[in-house]
Each structure stands twice: as C-alpha cells, then as structure tokens.
Amino acid sequence: MTESKSLQDVQHEIRERSGIIRKLRQAIGEVIVGQSAMIDRLLVGLLADGHVLVEGVPGLAKTTAVKSLAQAIDTDFQRIQFTPDMLPSDVIGTEVYQPQSSEFSVKQGPIFTNIVLADEINRAPSKVQSALLEAMQERQVTIGSETFPLPDPFLVMATQNPIEQEGTYPLPEAQVDRFMMKVLIDYPTKAEEKEIMMRMASGDSTSVTSVVSPKEIIEARELLKDIHVEDRLADYIVDIIQATREPGAYNLKDLEGYIQFGASPRGTINLIQCARALAFLEGRAYVTPQDVKSIAPDILRHRILLSYEAEADGKQSDDVLRQLLDQIEVP
C-alpha cells in the first residue's frame, strides 16, 4: 500500500470501483446459467492482468462465457480454433508480398485483439502453442523484423478437453507456466441444467450489452497494488510455495515422494496478485487467509509436477494441494 493512502481511503475507492464487477457478473449472468466459479476466475484473471487455462468437457459454455465477457467490457474478441495442421502465422500473422509495390506488408493475425479464446489449445503442435509465448508474456508480437504491441487489456483464455487425448499435443511446461490460473469446470447442477433447458426450449437469445469500458478495468487494476497484505499473510503465501518444493520442511512427509518439482517464483507472484483481485471482487481493501487458500489450487495445480509414485497411488495435483493447504498453519 502506498504511504499516501490509508486503508480507509483504499476501502472507499474499492467500494466505488467494485461496482464494475457487479455489472459484469449481472451482464454475463443474463447469458450464462451457473458456472459462477469460472466467471469469477475470468474476472480475477482480467483484474490481475493474467491468462487463464480452462479444462472441462465440451458443452459447458466456455466459449460463450469469454465472448460474453468481451461484449460486456466493450472490447474486441477473437476465437482461434486450434487444429493439428495450424501454423504459427495462423495465430500471429505474416508478411504478405505486394506485387504492385514489390514490397512486403504485414497482415496481423487474430492474436491482435483484447480477449482471445484459444479453443482446444492442445490440439495444435508445440510450435503453434509457442507462438503465443511472446504475446502472453511480453504483450507484443514480432512479425519479420517488426514488433507490434498488443492492445490493453489483453487476456488469453485457452481451453482443453480432459477426456479426449487422441491427436493432442501436451502443453510444454514453459507454456503452461505462462497461464496465471488453470481452472477446472464441472457439469451444472440439476436446477441449473433445468434452467438451461428451459431457456433453450423457449428460443430466448439474450445478447450482452456493454456495461464497462476498458479504461475502467485498467483503473481497477491500479487499485490492486494498494490492497493490504499483512506480513504474516505474505509469509503464509511463501510457505505454501516453499512447501511444494520441500514438503519435508513443513512436516509433510507423506508428500515428499509425490512432488517431483514444485512451483516457480512466478507462482508466488501470481498467488498474491490473484488473492488481491479476489479481495477486490469481494469489495475489500485487504486480503484474508481464505482468499489465498481458495485461489491457491487454481494458481498451483499446473505448476507442480507429480512423481510416478503419485500417479501409481492415483494421486492428482488437487489431492496433493488439498493435503498441503490443510496442513500448513494459517495465520
């Protein structure tokens, strides 16, 4: 928190600006039934200026959710369907020869937009996946000898199907680590599914109207750095990350053989950023331990590499993280 601002000042600003979150939730809720966790994580990613990897079976409104978000913010949106025969130029663009002038001109690809849906990203070969690396990390794209900045805000939401692995290319660790969060989504509840069915049966096609400007999102991001994180809570965040690397040092002997590689420092940075964004979503000027604990699985599940022993015992990343978070002392 900056010295010139008190906690009360920040709280007042957040109360004023957090109204944009209510507007976005309401606008998206007019189109999407349920999936509140996915929508909240998308909003966290938008506020924390990070990218989101969503894993779920087809038909769970992943595409509709991100498209509705783009419409609600009045930004440009592009959906890129990843396929095995794609080339990097299909994503970032290429140089095109102009016979009239005998010169090359740049044709920008679909990555030049505010919100990108990289649909079924693991269906494209690694060279295409890697074409997103510079865009996601540096917020710029190089085509030939020219470098072009990407618009702000810029959010990549990538999806992958967990049940159909034939003809897919696993994401390289460097690519996965660029995603701030990996979010798992599940089927709707019985009541939600009934509402979906009735909406579709009635033929209602609600369109999302613009309720927030990109400028308001950027201004809200500026507030995140002023959200207070107590020193004990900062230690708690570091303890969580350290425990993924050295479980034995935190009396997690059971996990020592399960984790081959722990989370990188980028995980630490992302965890505090997302915890602050989650506090903003709740209209608070301070982070609570529950903020950290609830967002940690989304930050870490794709950043820890399990051993063969864990796979043999049927353990998944979420099982390991649940045990880790349950046993580390909360301030």
Protein backbone atom coordinates (compact mmCIF):
# COMPACT_ATOMS: atom_id res chain seq x y z
CA MET A 1 0.00 0.00 0.00
CA THR A 2 1.32 3.45 -0.85
CA GLU A 3 2.18 5.69 2.09
CA SER A 4 -0.16 8.43 0.91
CA LYS A 5 -3.21 6.18 1.13
CA SER A 6 -4.74 4.82 4.30
CA LEU A 7 -6.68 1.56 4.48
CA GLN A 8 -9.88 3.61 4.75
CA ASP A 9 -9.03 5.56 1.58
CA VAL A 10 -8.40 2.36 -0.35
CA GLN A 11 -11.59 0.80 1.01
CA HIS A 12 -13.58 3.81 -0.16
CA GLU A 13 -12.07 3.63 -3.66
CA ILE A 14 -12.69 -0.10 -3.91
CA ARG A 15 -16.32 0.29 -2.87
CA GLU A 16 -16.75 2.83 -5.64
CA ARG A 17 -14.94 0.85 -8.33
CA SER A 18 -16.06 -2.66 -7.40
CA GLY A 19 -19.42 -1.77 -8.91
CA ILE A 20 -17.93 -2.72 -12.27
CA ILE A 21 -17.69 -6.32 -11.05
CA ARG A 22 -21.38 -6.39 -10.15
CA LYS A 23 -22.20 -5.02 -13.60
CA LEU A 24 -20.05 -7.64 -15.33
CA ARG A 25 -21.46 -10.52 -13.28
CA GLN A 26 -25.01 -9.38 -13.99
CA ALA A 27 -24.38 -8.93 -17.72
CA ILE A 28 -22.72 -12.34 -18.10
CA GLY A 29 -25.37 -13.96 -15.87
CA GLU A 30 -28.05 -12.95 -18.38
CA VAL A 31 -26.46 -15.37 -20.84
CA ILE A 32 -24.64 -17.97 -18.71
CA VAL A 33 -26.50 -20.13 -16.21
CA GLY A 34 -24.34 -21.14 -13.23
CA GLN A 35 -20.56 -21.55 -13.72
CA SER A 36 -20.04 -18.77 -11.17
CA ALA A 37 -16.60 -20.15 -10.26
CA MET A 38 -15.41 -19.96 -13.88
CA ILE A 39 -16.79 -16.44 -14.30
CA ASP A 40 -15.14 -15.26 -11.07
CA ARG A 41 -11.80 -16.74 -12.15
CA LEU A 42 -12.10 -14.99 -15.51
CA LEU A 43 -12.70 -11.71 -13.68
CA VAL A 44 -9.75 -12.40 -11.37
CA GLY A 45 -7.54 -13.05 -14.41
CA LEU A 46 -8.75 -9.83 -16.04
CA LEU A 47 -8.09 -7.74 -12.92
CA ALA A 48 -4.75 -9.39 -12.13
CA ASP A 49 -3.67 -9.00 -15.78
CA GLY A 50 -3.11 -12.73 -16.30
CA HIS A 51 -4.18 -15.52 -18.63
CA VAL A 52 -6.49 -18.42 -17.82
CA LEU A 53 -6.37 -22.08 -18.90
CA VAL A 54 -9.78 -23.74 -18.58
CA GLU A 55 -10.19 -27.51 -18.57
CA GLY A 56 -13.61 -29.07 -18.94
CA VAL A 57 -15.67 -31.32 -21.15
CA PRO A 58 -17.33 -29.82 -24.26
CA GLY A 59 -20.64 -28.01 -23.90
CA LEU A 60 -20.03 -26.20 -20.60
CA ALA A 61 -20.34 -22.67 -22.07
CA LYS A 62 -16.61 -21.89 -22.04
CA THR A 63 -16.78 -20.09 -25.40
CA THR A 64 -20.00 -18.27 -24.53
CA ALA A 65 -18.59 -17.09 -21.19
CA VAL A 66 -15.47 -15.47 -22.61
CA LYS A 67 -17.38 -13.99 -25.57
CA SER A 68 -19.95 -12.52 -23.16
CA LEU A 69 -17.14 -11.06 -21.05
CA ALA A 70 -15.67 -9.34 -24.11
CA GLN A 71 -19.06 -7.93 -25.09
CA ALA A 72 -19.74 -6.71 -21.53
CA ILE A 73 -16.41 -4.82 -21.50
CA ASP A 74 -16.91 -3.39 -24.99
CA THR A 75 -13.66 -4.90 -26.26
CA ASP A 76 -12.65 -6.86 -29.34
CA PHE A 77 -12.88 -10.65 -29.20
CA GLN A 78 -11.39 -13.40 -31.36
CA ARG A 79 -11.87 -17.15 -31.17
CA ILE A 80 -9.00 -19.25 -32.54
CA GLN A 81 -9.80 -22.92 -33.12
CA PHE A 82 -6.54 -24.82 -32.71
CA THR A 83 -6.03 -27.78 -35.07
CA PRO A 84 -3.10 -30.14 -35.84
CA ASP A 85 -2.44 -28.52 -39.25
CA MET A 86 -2.12 -24.95 -37.94
CA LEU A 87 0.96 -22.78 -38.48
CA PRO A 88 2.27 -20.01 -36.18
CA SER A 89 1.31 -17.47 -38.85
CA ASP A 90 -2.33 -18.52 -38.41
CA VAL A 91 -2.14 -17.05 -34.92
CA ILE A 92 0.23 -14.09 -35.03
CA GLY A 93 0.08 -13.12 -38.72
CA THR A 94 2.62 -13.00 -41.54
CA GLU A 95 4.30 -10.84 -44.16
CA VAL A 96 2.46 -10.69 -47.49
CA TYR A 97 4.19 -9.77 -50.76
CA GLN A 98 2.58 -6.91 -52.68
CA PRO A 99 3.36 -7.30 -56.43
CA GLN A 100 2.35 -3.69 -57.20
CA SER A 101 4.96 -2.15 -54.90
CA SER A 102 7.37 -5.12 -54.83
CA GLU A 103 7.37 -4.87 -51.04
CA PHE A 104 6.16 -6.94 -48.14
CA SER A 105 3.32 -5.77 -45.91
CA VAL A 106 2.31 -7.17 -42.55
CA LYS A 107 -1.02 -8.94 -42.18
CA GLN A 108 -1.82 -9.17 -38.49
CA GLY A 109 -3.31 -12.40 -37.13
CA PRO A 110 -6.27 -12.94 -34.78
CA ILE A 111 -4.00 -12.52 -31.71
CA PHE A 112 -4.29 -8.75 -32.23
CA THR A 113 -7.37 -8.26 -30.09
CA ASN A 114 -8.29 -7.63 -26.45
CA ILE A 115 -9.69 -11.01 -25.48
CA VAL A 116 -8.62 -14.23 -27.20
CA LEU A 117 -10.25 -17.63 -26.85
CA ALA A 118 -7.64 -20.25 -27.77
CA ASP A 119 -10.05 -23.14 -28.19
CA GLU A 120 -8.63 -26.66 -27.65
CA ILE A 121 -5.09 -25.29 -27.48
CA ASN A 122 -3.59 -28.76 -27.01
CA ARG A 123 -4.74 -29.80 -30.50
CA ALA A 124 -2.07 -27.65 -32.17
CA PRO A 125 1.61 -28.67 -32.40
CA SER A 126 4.11 -27.13 -29.99
CA LYS A 127 5.47 -24.58 -32.49
CA VAL A 128 1.97 -23.06 -32.74
CA GLN A 129 1.49 -23.14 -28.97
CA SER A 130 4.87 -21.43 -28.59
CA ALA A 131 3.74 -18.66 -30.94
CA LEU A 132 1.57 -17.49 -28.05
CA LEU A 133 4.55 -17.26 -25.65
CA GLU A 134 5.78 -13.81 -26.64
CA ALA A 135 2.25 -12.48 -26.90
CA MET A 136 1.24 -13.76 -23.45
CA GLN A 137 4.40 -12.76 -21.61
CA GLU A 138 5.70 -9.66 -23.41
CA ARG A 139 2.33 -8.35 -24.68
CA GLN A 140 3.87 -7.90 -28.11
CA VAL A 141 4.25 -9.85 -31.35
CA THR A 142 7.18 -9.92 -33.75
CA ILE A 143 6.43 -10.48 -37.43
CA GLY A 144 9.50 -10.42 -39.67
CA SER A 145 11.66 -7.56 -38.44
CA GLU A 146 8.83 -5.56 -36.89
CA THR A 147 7.48 -5.74 -33.36
CA PHE A 148 3.89 -4.75 -32.64
CA PRO A 149 2.38 -4.04 -29.19
CA LEU A 150 -0.86 -5.78 -28.27
CA PRO A 151 -3.89 -3.82 -27.04
CA ASP A 152 -4.65 -3.29 -23.36
CA PRO A 153 -6.43 -5.05 -21.74
CA PHE A 154 -5.20 -8.32 -23.24
CA LEU A 155 -6.45 -11.68 -21.96
CA VAL A 156 -5.91 -15.18 -23.35
CA MET A 157 -8.38 -17.81 -22.22
CA ALA A 158 -7.35 -21.23 -23.51
CA THR A 159 -9.43 -24.38 -23.24
CA GLN A 160 -8.55 -28.04 -23.36
CA ASN A 161 -10.64 -31.18 -23.26
CA PRO A 162 -9.60 -33.58 -20.45
CA ILE A 163 -11.25 -36.71 -21.84
CA GLU A 164 -10.19 -36.87 -25.50
CA GLN A 165 -6.41 -37.10 -25.80
CA GLU A 166 -6.07 -38.66 -29.26
CA GLY A 167 -4.43 -36.23 -31.66
CA THR A 168 -3.40 -33.78 -28.95
CA TYR A 169 -0.05 -32.25 -28.04
CA PRO A 170 0.58 -31.71 -24.30
CA LEU A 171 1.41 -28.11 -23.45
CA PRO A 172 5.13 -27.57 -22.75
CA GLU A 173 5.97 -26.56 -19.16
CA ALA A 174 7.12 -23.11 -20.31
CA GLN A 175 3.75 -22.53 -21.99
CA VAL A 176 1.70 -23.81 -19.07
CA ASP A 177 3.60 -21.60 -16.64
CA ARG A 178 2.54 -18.51 -18.62
CA PHE A 179 -1.05 -19.12 -17.55
CA MET A 180 -1.82 -17.40 -14.28
CA MET A 181 -4.53 -19.93 -13.47
CA LYS A 182 -5.71 -23.35 -14.53
CA VAL A 183 -9.42 -23.62 -13.79
CA LEU A 184 -11.36 -26.90 -13.74
CA ILE A 185 -15.07 -26.66 -14.52
CA ASP A 186 -17.71 -29.28 -13.95
CA TYR A 187 -21.25 -30.06 -15.06
CA PRO A 188 -24.11 -27.76 -13.95
CA THR A 189 -26.35 -28.70 -11.05
CA LYS A 190 -29.79 -30.20 -11.66
CA ALA A 191 -31.53 -26.84 -11.14
CA GLU A 192 -29.06 -25.05 -13.42
CA GLU A 193 -29.44 -27.67 -16.14
CA LYS A 194 -33.22 -27.34 -15.99
CA GLU A 195 -32.93 -23.56 -16.42
CA ILE A 196 -30.56 -24.03 -19.38
CA MET A 197 -33.02 -26.45 -20.97
CA MET A 198 -35.99 -24.10 -20.50
CA ARG A 199 -34.07 -21.12 -21.89
CA MET A 200 -33.02 -23.04 -24.98
CA ALA A 201 -36.51 -24.52 -25.45
CA SER A 202 -38.09 -21.06 -25.36
CA GLY A 203 -35.72 -19.82 -28.05
CA ASP A 204 -34.61 -16.81 -25.99
CA SER A 205 -31.28 -15.46 -27.23
CA THR A 206 -30.20 -12.79 -24.81
CA SER A 207 -27.41 -10.56 -26.09
CA VAL A 208 -24.89 -8.97 -23.76
CA THR A 209 -24.74 -5.20 -23.70
CA SER A 210 -21.60 -3.23 -22.91
CA VAL A 211 -21.59 -2.18 -19.24
CA VAL A 212 -17.91 -1.43 -18.55
CA SER A 213 -15.17 0.32 -20.53
CA PRO A 214 -11.59 -0.96 -20.90
CA LYS A 215 -10.43 2.21 -19.12
CA GLU A 216 -12.43 1.24 -16.01
CA ILE A 217 -10.74 -2.19 -15.97
CA ILE A 218 -7.28 -0.62 -16.23
CA GLU A 219 -8.13 1.86 -13.43
CA ALA A 220 -9.36 -1.02 -11.24
CA ARG A 221 -6.07 -2.86 -11.82
CA GLU A 222 -4.19 0.14 -10.46
CA LEU A 223 -6.03 -0.26 -7.17
CA LEU A 224 -4.83 -3.85 -6.64
CA LYS A 225 -1.35 -2.79 -5.53
CA ASP A 226 -2.94 -0.77 -2.71
CA ILE A 227 -4.88 -3.74 -1.30
CA HIS A 228 -3.27 -4.56 2.04
CA VAL A 229 -1.45 -7.85 2.64
CA GLU A 230 -0.28 -8.38 6.21
CA ASP A 231 3.28 -9.53 6.73
CA ARG A 232 2.10 -12.78 8.33
CA LEU A 233 -0.10 -13.42 5.31
CA ALA A 234 2.82 -12.76 2.95
CA ASP A 235 4.79 -15.37 4.93
CA TYR A 236 1.84 -17.77 4.56
CA ILE A 237 1.91 -17.35 0.77
CA VAL A 238 5.66 -18.02 0.67
CA ASP A 239 5.22 -21.04 2.97
CA ILE A 240 2.67 -22.55 0.57
CA ILE A 241 5.04 -22.20 -2.39
CA GLN A 242 8.06 -23.43 -0.41
CA ALA A 243 6.07 -26.44 0.78
CA THR A 244 5.54 -27.53 -2.83
CA ARG A 245 9.34 -27.67 -3.19
CA GLU A 246 10.35 -29.02 0.22
CA PRO A 247 7.34 -30.78 1.80
CA GLY A 248 9.53 -32.38 4.47
CA ALA A 249 10.50 -28.97 5.88
CA TYR A 250 6.81 -28.36 6.63
CA ASN A 251 6.12 -31.76 8.25
CA LEU A 252 4.51 -33.02 5.05
CA LYS A 253 6.45 -36.28 4.94
CA ASP A 254 3.61 -38.02 3.08
CA LEU A 255 4.05 -35.66 0.12
CA GLU A 256 7.83 -35.91 -0.20
CA GLY A 257 7.65 -38.76 -2.69
CA TYR A 258 4.70 -37.29 -4.59
CA ILE A 259 6.05 -33.91 -5.76
CA GLN A 260 8.88 -34.08 -8.28
CA PHE A 261 9.08 -30.33 -8.95
CA GLY A 262 7.41 -27.52 -7.00
CA ALA A 263 6.01 -24.17 -8.08
CA SER A 264 8.23 -21.48 -9.58
CA PRO A 265 8.58 -17.92 -8.21
CA ARG A 266 6.02 -16.89 -10.83
CA GLY A 267 3.55 -18.93 -8.79
CA THR A 268 4.34 -16.80 -5.72
CA ILE A 269 3.77 -13.57 -7.64
CA ASN A 270 0.57 -14.85 -9.23
CA LEU A 271 -0.79 -16.06 -5.90
CA ILE A 272 -0.55 -12.65 -4.24
CA GLN A 273 -1.88 -10.88 -7.36
CA CYS A 274 -4.91 -13.15 -7.58
CA ALA A 275 -5.57 -13.01 -3.84
CA ARG A 276 -5.69 -9.23 -4.13
CA ALA A 277 -8.00 -9.48 -7.16
CA LEU A 278 -10.27 -11.83 -5.22
CA ALA A 279 -10.40 -9.31 -2.34
CA PHE A 280 -11.37 -6.63 -4.88
CA LEU A 281 -14.17 -8.86 -6.18
CA GLU A 282 -15.50 -9.01 -2.62
CA GLY A 283 -15.15 -5.25 -2.18
CA ARG A 284 -12.39 -5.45 0.44
CA ALA A 285 -9.19 -3.40 0.82
CA TYR A 286 -7.33 -6.26 2.47
CA VAL A 287 -6.52 -9.90 1.72
CA THR A 288 -7.70 -12.66 4.06
CA PRO A 289 -6.18 -16.14 4.51
CA GLN A 290 -9.32 -17.55 2.90
CA ASP A 291 -8.63 -15.54 -0.26
CA VAL A 292 -5.22 -17.17 -0.50
CA LYS A 293 -6.48 -20.65 0.34
CA SER A 294 -9.38 -20.58 -2.13
CA ILE A 295 -7.38 -19.29 -5.11
CA ALA A 296 -4.19 -21.35 -4.45
CA PRO A 297 -5.34 -24.55 -6.24
CA ASP A 298 -6.07 -22.59 -9.45
CA ILE A 299 -2.61 -20.97 -9.27
CA LEU A 300 -0.66 -24.11 -8.42
CA ARG A 301 -2.34 -27.18 -9.95
CA HIS A 302 -0.47 -26.72 -13.26
CA ARG A 303 2.79 -25.65 -11.61
CA ILE A 304 3.61 -28.74 -9.60
CA LEU A 305 4.92 -31.85 -11.34
CA LEU A 306 3.92 -35.09 -9.66
CA SER A 307 6.16 -38.14 -9.50
CA TYR A 308 5.46 -41.62 -10.87
CA GLU A 309 4.83 -42.68 -7.27
CA ALA A 310 1.94 -40.20 -7.03
CA GLU A 311 0.48 -41.44 -10.32
CA ALA A 312 0.83 -45.05 -9.16
CA ASP A 313 -1.09 -44.18 -5.98
CA GLY A 314 -3.80 -42.47 -8.00
CA LYS A 315 -2.95 -39.00 -6.68
CA GLN A 316 -3.68 -35.87 -8.69
CA SER A 317 -2.38 -32.34 -8.23
CA ASP A 318 -5.55 -31.24 -6.45
CA ASP A 319 -5.27 -34.11 -3.94
CA VAL A 320 -1.71 -33.11 -3.09
CA LEU A 321 -2.57 -29.41 -2.86
CA ARG A 322 -5.61 -30.10 -0.67
CA GLN A 323 -3.46 -32.01 1.81
CA LEU A 324 -0.77 -29.33 1.69
CA LEU A 325 -3.21 -26.47 2.29
CA ASP A 326 -4.95 -28.36 5.10
CA GLN A 327 -1.70 -28.93 6.99
CA ILE A 328 0.11 -25.60 6.62
CA GLU A 329 -0.66 -23.33 9.55
CA VAL A 330 -2.98 -20.46 8.65
CA PRO A 331 -2.13 -17.08 10.24
